[in-house]
Amino acid sequence: MKIITIGREFGSGGRELGKRLAETLCIPCYDHEIIDMVAKKYRLDKDYVSHISEKDIRMFYPSTIGHRFMTNSSMLQQPVKVVAAQYNIIRQLSLQGDCVIVGRCADVLCRDMNPLNIFVYADKLSKLQRCKNRADKNEHLSEKEMFHKMKQIDKERATYRELFTEEKWGRKEYYHLCINTSGKEIKLLIPAIAAYVNAWFMQY
């Protein structure tokens, strides 16, 4: 089974890379689809679920660390229920067959399934340009504000990871393949990445 997880710095193009890689490999890619599933399960607003999905929820439930909050979901506060549901959905999706899962600490949650874990990063100026290119037309952030947003979101992803593991987010030793997308067009990288993926899974 091919389970591929994508960790990424904000603005590095990790989401695009995951989706294009999945298309090339002809397998599903799960990203915002996970948020949709959680929102439907609990009848919650998608924006709320997205807001919670990569936050440090210990502010809501300080004693909740790692897998402990999976055991008695009926007693948990709503933000913790969202993360617990996300955990269960990621596990269910990975058990269904080959797939790419973007973000949400999937590399740790699916570790027993021997996933290929990819981390995508880039320099600040490349990330800034990608953020500008994909920004909503109503978003008018200065470069300083955008750099602050990039830093804040990456910090939130790092603290979210601490819920499940002591392994530091973005450290190369915790991933099988680290990809620097600085100044690169994502779609041109996909053939080589797909070849690497296929070669990596041949060992199993």
C-alpha atoms as a PDB file:
ATOM      1  CA  MET A   1       0.000   0.000   0.000  1.00  0.00           C
ATOM      2  CA  LYS A   2       1.278   3.484  -0.912  1.00  0.00           C
ATOM      3  CA  ILE A   3       0.564   6.045   1.798  1.00  0.00           C
ATOM      4  CA  ILE A   4       2.304   9.363   1.148  1.00  0.00           C
ATOM      5  CA  THR A   5       2.185  12.220   3.636  1.00  0.00           C
ATOM      6  CA  ILE A   6       3.037  15.817   2.853  1.00  0.00           C
ATOM      7  CA  GLY A   7       4.317  18.172   5.536  1.00  0.00           C
ATOM      8  CA  ARG A   8       4.898  21.699   4.336  1.00  0.00           C
ATOM      9  CA  GLU A   9       5.864  25.219   5.212  1.00  0.00           C
ATOM     10  CA  PHE A  10       3.157  27.767   4.514  1.00  0.00           C
ATOM     11  CA  GLY A  11       3.616  29.116   0.998  1.00  0.00           C
ATOM     12  CA  SER A  12       6.017  26.385  -0.126  1.00  0.00           C
ATOM     13  CA  GLY A  13       3.553  24.810  -2.550  1.00  0.00           C
ATOM     14  CA  GLY A  14       3.126  21.606  -0.566  1.00  0.00           C
ATOM     15  CA  ARG A  15      -0.605  21.425  -1.181  1.00  0.00           C
ATOM     16  CA  GLU A  16      -0.167  21.803  -4.937  1.00  0.00           C
ATOM     17  CA  LEU A  17       2.652  19.263  -4.896  1.00  0.00           C
ATOM     18  CA  GLY A  18       0.492  16.743  -3.050  1.00  0.00           C
ATOM     19  CA  LYS A  19      -2.429  17.112  -5.430  1.00  0.00           C
ATOM     20  CA  ARG A  20      -0.300  16.949  -8.581  1.00  0.00           C
ATOM     21  CA  LEU A  21       1.605  13.945  -7.257  1.00  0.00           C
ATOM     22  CA  ALA A  22      -1.651  12.127  -6.479  1.00  0.00           C
ATOM     23  CA  GLU A  23      -2.953  12.861  -9.976  1.00  0.00           C
ATOM     24  CA  THR A  24       0.229  11.469 -11.530  1.00  0.00           C
ATOM     25  CA  LEU A  25       0.059   8.327  -9.383  1.00  0.00           C
ATOM     26  CA  CYS A  26      -3.713   8.023  -9.996  1.00  0.00           C
ATOM     27  CA  ILE A  27      -4.530   7.877  -6.292  1.00  0.00           C
ATOM     28  CA  PRO A  28      -6.714  10.076  -4.048  1.00  0.00           C
ATOM     29  CA  CYS A  29      -5.358  13.176  -2.312  1.00  0.00           C
ATOM     30  CA  TYR A  30      -6.896  14.217   0.992  1.00  0.00           C
ATOM     31  CA  ASP A  31      -6.481  17.775   2.221  1.00  0.00           C
ATOM     32  CA  HIS A  32      -9.522  20.013   2.683  1.00  0.00           C
ATOM     33  CA  GLU A  33     -11.617  16.894   2.116  1.00  0.00           C
ATOM     34  CA  ILE A  34     -10.719  15.903   5.686  1.00  0.00           C
ATOM     35  CA  ILE A  35     -12.101  19.196   6.969  1.00  0.00           C
ATOM     36  CA  ASP A  36     -15.303  18.631   4.993  1.00  0.00           C
ATOM     37  CA  MET A  37     -15.731  15.192   6.556  1.00  0.00           C
ATOM     38  CA  VAL A  38     -15.224  16.486  10.099  1.00  0.00           C
ATOM     39  CA  ALA A  39     -17.588  19.412   9.506  1.00  0.00           C
ATOM     40  CA  LYS A  40     -20.256  17.060   8.201  1.00  0.00           C
ATOM     41  CA  LYS A  41     -19.794  14.605  11.082  1.00  0.00           C
ATOM     42  CA  TYR A  42     -20.324  17.267  13.759  1.00  0.00           C
ATOM     43  CA  ARG A  43     -22.460  19.673  11.709  1.00  0.00           C
ATOM     44  CA  LEU A  44     -19.913  22.416  12.139  1.00  0.00           C
ATOM     45  CA  ASP A  45     -18.880  25.340   9.979  1.00  0.00           C
ATOM     46  CA  LYS A  46     -15.985  24.389   7.688  1.00  0.00           C
ATOM     47  CA  ASP A  47     -14.079  27.566   8.521  1.00  0.00           C
ATOM     48  CA  TYR A  48     -14.271  26.711  12.216  1.00  0.00           C
ATOM     49  CA  VAL A  49     -12.968  23.195  11.610  1.00  0.00           C
ATOM     50  CA  SER A  50     -10.175  24.547   9.426  1.00  0.00           C
ATOM     51  CA  HIS A  51      -9.263  27.048  12.154  1.00  0.00           C
ATOM     52  CA  ILE A  52      -8.978  24.280  14.750  1.00  0.00           C
ATOM     53  CA  SER A  53      -7.296  21.712  12.513  1.00  0.00           C
ATOM     54  CA  GLU A  54      -3.706  22.882  12.942  1.00  0.00           C
ATOM     55  CA  LYS A  55      -3.903  24.871  16.171  1.00  0.00           C
ATOM     56  CA  ASP A  56      -2.436  24.097  19.569  1.00  0.00           C
ATOM     57  CA  ILE A  57      -5.617  22.879  21.283  1.00  0.00           C
ATOM     58  CA  ARG A  58      -3.979  22.489  24.685  1.00  0.00           C
ATOM     59  CA  MET A  59      -5.397  25.905  25.551  1.00  0.00           C
ATOM     60  CA  PHE A  60      -8.832  24.277  25.411  1.00  0.00           C
ATOM     61  CA  TYR A  61      -8.003  21.047  27.227  1.00  0.00           C
ATOM     62  CA  PRO A  62      -4.594  21.232  28.976  1.00  0.00           C
ATOM     63  CA  SER A  63      -4.489  17.567  30.068  1.00  0.00           C
ATOM     64  CA  THR A  64      -5.019  16.376  26.516  1.00  0.00           C
ATOM     65  CA  ILE A  65      -1.776  15.241  24.947  1.00  0.00           C
ATOM     66  CA  GLY A  66      -1.257  12.726  22.173  1.00  0.00           C
ATOM     67  CA  HIS A  67      -3.557   9.746  21.873  1.00  0.00           C
ATOM     68  CA  ARG A  68      -5.135  10.194  25.291  1.00  0.00           C
ATOM     69  CA  PHE A  69      -7.992  12.244  23.908  1.00  0.00           C
ATOM     70  CA  MET A  70      -9.033   9.419  21.576  1.00  0.00           C
ATOM     71  CA  THR A  71     -10.404   7.237  24.348  1.00  0.00           C
ATOM     72  CA  ASN A  72     -13.468   9.080  25.659  1.00  0.00           C
ATOM     73  CA  SER A  73     -14.651  11.610  23.108  1.00  0.00           C
ATOM     74  CA  SER A  74     -18.040  12.098  24.808  1.00  0.00           C
ATOM     75  CA  MET A  75     -16.343  14.051  27.603  1.00  0.00           C
ATOM     76  CA  LEU A  76     -14.235  16.327  25.456  1.00  0.00           C
ATOM     77  CA  GLN A  77     -14.685  19.974  24.561  1.00  0.00           C
ATOM     78  CA  GLN A  78     -15.558  20.786  20.967  1.00  0.00           C
ATOM     79  CA  PRO A  79     -12.058  21.720  19.699  1.00  0.00           C
ATOM     80  CA  VAL A  80     -10.658  18.457  21.024  1.00  0.00           C
ATOM     81  CA  LYS A  81     -13.525  16.519  19.438  1.00  0.00           C
ATOM     82  CA  VAL A  82     -12.619  18.103  16.107  1.00  0.00           C
ATOM     83  CA  VAL A  83      -9.015  16.925  16.367  1.00  0.00           C
ATOM     84  CA  ALA A  84     -10.095  13.474  17.559  1.00  0.00           C
ATOM     85  CA  ALA A  85     -12.478  13.169  14.604  1.00  0.00           C
ATOM     86  CA  GLN A  86      -9.735  14.299  12.247  1.00  0.00           C
ATOM     87  CA  TYR A  87      -7.424  11.640  13.672  1.00  0.00           C
ATOM     88  CA  ASN A  88     -10.024   8.911  13.144  1.00  0.00           C
ATOM     89  CA  ILE A  89     -10.829  10.048   9.611  1.00  0.00           C
ATOM     90  CA  ILE A  90      -7.153  10.123   8.611  1.00  0.00           C
ATOM     91  CA  ARG A  91      -6.784   6.573   9.919  1.00  0.00           C
ATOM     92  CA  GLN A  92      -9.883   5.418   8.041  1.00  0.00           C
ATOM     93  CA  LEU A  93      -8.791   7.010   4.765  1.00  0.00           C
ATOM     94  CA  SER A  94      -5.306   5.512   4.990  1.00  0.00           C
ATOM     95  CA  LEU A  95      -6.762   2.057   5.566  1.00  0.00           C
ATOM     96  CA  GLN A  96      -8.876   2.300   2.413  1.00  0.00           C
ATOM     97  CA  GLY A  97      -5.876   2.159   0.077  1.00  0.00           C
ATOM     98  CA  ASP A  98      -3.171   4.166  -1.669  1.00  0.00           C
ATOM     99  CA  CYS A  99      -3.421   7.914  -1.055  1.00  0.00           C
ATOM    100  CA  VAL A 100      -1.672  11.215  -0.444  1.00  0.00           C
ATOM    101  CA  ILE A 101      -2.513  13.034   2.807  1.00  0.00           C
ATOM    102  CA  VAL A 102      -1.529  16.688   3.141  1.00  0.00           C
ATOM    103  CA  GLY A 103      -0.632  18.061   6.577  1.00  0.00           C
ATOM    104  CA  ARG A 104      -2.382  17.333   9.890  1.00  0.00           C
ATOM    105  CA  CYS A 105       0.509  15.270  11.292  1.00  0.00           C
ATOM    106  CA  ALA A 106      -0.464  12.326   9.073  1.00  0.00           C
ATOM    107  CA  ASP A 107       3.124  11.054   9.022  1.00  0.00           C
ATOM    108  CA  VAL A 108       2.894  10.339  12.757  1.00  0.00           C
ATOM    109  CA  LEU A 109      -0.742   9.184  12.811  1.00  0.00           C
ATOM    110  CA  CYS A 110      -0.094   6.626  10.042  1.00  0.00           C
ATOM    111  CA  ARG A 111       3.378   5.554  11.122  1.00  0.00           C
ATOM    112  CA  ASP A 112       2.433   1.901  11.582  1.00  0.00           C
ATOM    113  CA  MET A 113       1.502   1.780   7.888  1.00  0.00           C
ATOM    114  CA  ASN A 114       5.029   2.702   6.742  1.00  0.00           C
ATOM    115  CA  PRO A 115       4.139   5.859   4.828  1.00  0.00           C
ATOM    116  CA  LEU A 116       6.561   7.815   2.682  1.00  0.00           C
ATOM    117  CA  ASN A 117       6.886  11.155   4.454  1.00  0.00           C
ATOM    118  CA  ILE A 118       7.703  14.223   2.384  1.00  0.00           C
ATOM    119  CA  PHE A 119       8.447  17.708   3.695  1.00  0.00           C
ATOM    120  CA  VAL A 120       8.202  20.701   1.371  1.00  0.00           C
ATOM    121  CA  TYR A 121       9.979  23.980   2.114  1.00  0.00           C
ATOM    122  CA  ALA A 122      11.219  27.105   0.349  1.00  0.00           C
ATOM    123  CA  ASP A 123      12.991  30.384   0.950  1.00  0.00           C
ATOM    124  CA  LYS A 124      11.021  33.375   2.265  1.00  0.00           C
ATOM    125  CA  LEU A 125      10.823  35.271  -1.013  1.00  0.00           C
ATOM    126  CA  SER A 126       9.569  32.252  -2.955  1.00  0.00           C
ATOM    127  CA  LYS A 127       6.923  31.583  -0.314  1.00  0.00           C
ATOM    128  CA  LEU A 128       5.909  35.236  -0.347  1.00  0.00           C
ATOM    129  CA  GLN A 129       5.442  35.165  -4.123  1.00  0.00           C
ATOM    130  CA  ARG A 130       3.327  32.008  -3.965  1.00  0.00           C
ATOM    131  CA  CYS A 131       1.170  33.570  -1.257  1.00  0.00           C
ATOM    132  CA  LYS A 132       0.678  36.656  -3.421  1.00  0.00           C
ATOM    133  CA  ASN A 133      -0.237  34.568  -6.452  1.00  0.00           C
ATOM    134  CA  ARG A 134      -2.921  32.590  -4.611  1.00  0.00           C
ATOM    135  CA  ALA A 135      -4.219  35.368  -2.345  1.00  0.00           C
ATOM    136  CA  ASP A 136      -7.916  36.169  -2.333  1.00  0.00           C
ATOM    137  CA  LYS A 137      -8.681  39.328  -4.276  1.00  0.00           C
ATOM    138  CA  ASN A 138     -10.050  40.884  -1.093  1.00  0.00           C
ATOM    139  CA  GLU A 139      -6.846  40.179   0.845  1.00  0.00           C
ATOM    140  CA  HIS A 140      -4.538  43.177   1.013  1.00  0.00           C
ATOM    141  CA  LEU A 141      -1.645  42.276   3.292  1.00  0.00           C
ATOM    142  CA  SER A 142       1.641  44.119   3.210  1.00  0.00           C
ATOM    143  CA  GLU A 143       4.826  42.085   2.785  1.00  0.00           C
ATOM    144  CA  LYS A 144       5.539  42.526   6.493  1.00  0.00           C
ATOM    145  CA  GLU A 145       2.055  41.271   7.387  1.00  0.00           C
ATOM    146  CA  MET A 146       2.398  38.321   5.018  1.00  0.00           C
ATOM    147  CA  PHE A 147       5.757  37.326   6.475  1.00  0.00           C
ATOM    148  CA  HIS A 148       4.182  37.470   9.934  1.00  0.00           C
ATOM    149  CA  LYS A 149       1.285  35.281   8.740  1.00  0.00           C
ATOM    150  CA  MET A 150       3.695  32.733   7.251  1.00  0.00           C
ATOM    151  CA  LYS A 151       5.680  32.573  10.487  1.00  0.00           C
ATOM    152  CA  GLN A 152       2.559  32.290  12.647  1.00  0.00           C
ATOM    153  CA  ILE A 153       0.986  29.482  10.629  1.00  0.00           C
ATOM    154  CA  ASP A 154       4.211  27.478  10.636  1.00  0.00           C
ATOM    155  CA  LYS A 155       4.436  27.982  14.411  1.00  0.00           C
ATOM    156  CA  GLU A 156       0.883  26.677  14.802  1.00  0.00           C
ATOM    157  CA  ARG A 157       1.704  23.613  12.704  1.00  0.00           C
ATOM    158  CA  ALA A 158       4.715  22.926  14.884  1.00  0.00           C
ATOM    159  CA  THR A 159       2.734  23.192  18.126  1.00  0.00           C
ATOM    160  CA  TYR A 160      -0.059  21.030  16.704  1.00  0.00           C
ATOM    161  CA  ARG A 161       2.511  18.327  15.996  1.00  0.00           C
ATOM    162  CA  GLU A 162       3.540  18.403  19.659  1.00  0.00           C
ATOM    163  CA  LEU A 163       0.131  16.923  20.528  1.00  0.00           C
ATOM    164  CA  PHE A 164       1.219  13.633  18.983  1.00  0.00           C
ATOM    165  CA  THR A 165       4.994  13.418  19.161  1.00  0.00           C
ATOM    166  CA  GLU A 166       8.126  14.997  20.567  1.00  0.00           C
ATOM    167  CA  GLU A 167       9.654  14.963  17.083  1.00  0.00           C
ATOM    168  CA  LYS A 168      10.146  18.518  15.870  1.00  0.00           C
ATOM    169  CA  TRP A 169       8.141  19.730  12.896  1.00  0.00           C
ATOM    170  CA  GLY A 170      10.270  20.287   9.802  1.00  0.00           C
ATOM    171  CA  ARG A 171      13.402  18.484  11.050  1.00  0.00           C
ATOM    172  CA  LYS A 172      14.882  16.572   8.119  1.00  0.00           C
ATOM    173  CA  GLU A 173      15.612  13.401  10.092  1.00  0.00           C
ATOM    174  CA  TYR A 174      11.881  12.783  10.544  1.00  0.00           C
ATOM    175  CA  TYR A 175      11.084  12.713   6.819  1.00  0.00           C
ATOM    176  CA  HIS A 176      12.121  10.452   3.952  1.00  0.00           C
ATOM    177  CA  LEU A 177      12.285  13.185   1.322  1.00  0.00           C
ATOM    178  CA  CYS A 178      12.708  16.955   1.776  1.00  0.00           C
ATOM    179  CA  ILE A 179      11.971  19.108  -1.268  1.00  0.00           C
ATOM    180  CA  ASN A 180      13.104  22.714  -1.701  1.00  0.00           C
ATOM    181  CA  THR A 181      10.683  24.432  -4.091  1.00  0.00           C
ATOM    182  CA  SER A 182      12.428  27.822  -4.061  1.00  0.00           C
ATOM    183  CA  GLY A 183      12.076  29.426  -7.481  1.00  0.00           C
ATOM    184  CA  LYS A 184      10.699  26.195  -8.955  1.00  0.00           C
ATOM    185  CA  GLU A 185       7.502  25.443 -10.861  1.00  0.00           C
ATOM    186  CA  ILE A 186       5.847  22.609  -8.924  1.00  0.00           C
ATOM    187  CA  LYS A 187       4.454  20.738 -11.917  1.00  0.00           C
ATOM    188  CA  LEU A 188       7.936  20.342 -13.405  1.00  0.00           C
ATOM    189  CA  LEU A 189       9.143  18.558 -10.261  1.00  0.00           C
ATOM    190  CA  ILE A 190       6.369  15.973 -10.196  1.00  0.00           C
ATOM    191  CA  PRO A 191       7.765  13.380 -12.663  1.00  0.00           C
ATOM    192  CA  ALA A 192      10.988  13.040 -10.657  1.00  0.00           C
ATOM    193  CA  ILE A 193       9.099  12.905  -7.341  1.00  0.00           C
ATOM    194  CA  ALA A 194       6.704  10.273  -8.689  1.00  0.00           C
ATOM    195  CA  ALA A 195       9.671   8.174  -9.844  1.00  0.00           C
ATOM    196  CA  TYR A 196      11.195   8.456  -6.370  1.00  0.00           C
ATOM    197  CA  VAL A 197       7.906   7.415  -4.762  1.00  0.00           C
ATOM    198  CA  ASN A 198       7.597   4.330  -6.959  1.00  0.00           C
ATOM    199  CA  ALA A 199      11.219   3.339  -6.302  1.00  0.00           C
ATOM    200  CA  TRP A 200      10.810   3.873  -2.545  1.00  0.00           C
ATOM    201  CA  PHE A 201       7.778   1.600  -2.308  1.00  0.00           C
ATOM    202  CA  MET A 202       9.433  -1.164  -4.346  1.00  0.00           C
ATOM    203  CA  GLN A 203      11.289  -2.172  -1.157  1.00  0.00           C
ATOM    204  CA  TYR A 204       8.047  -3.313   0.460  1.00  0.00           C
END
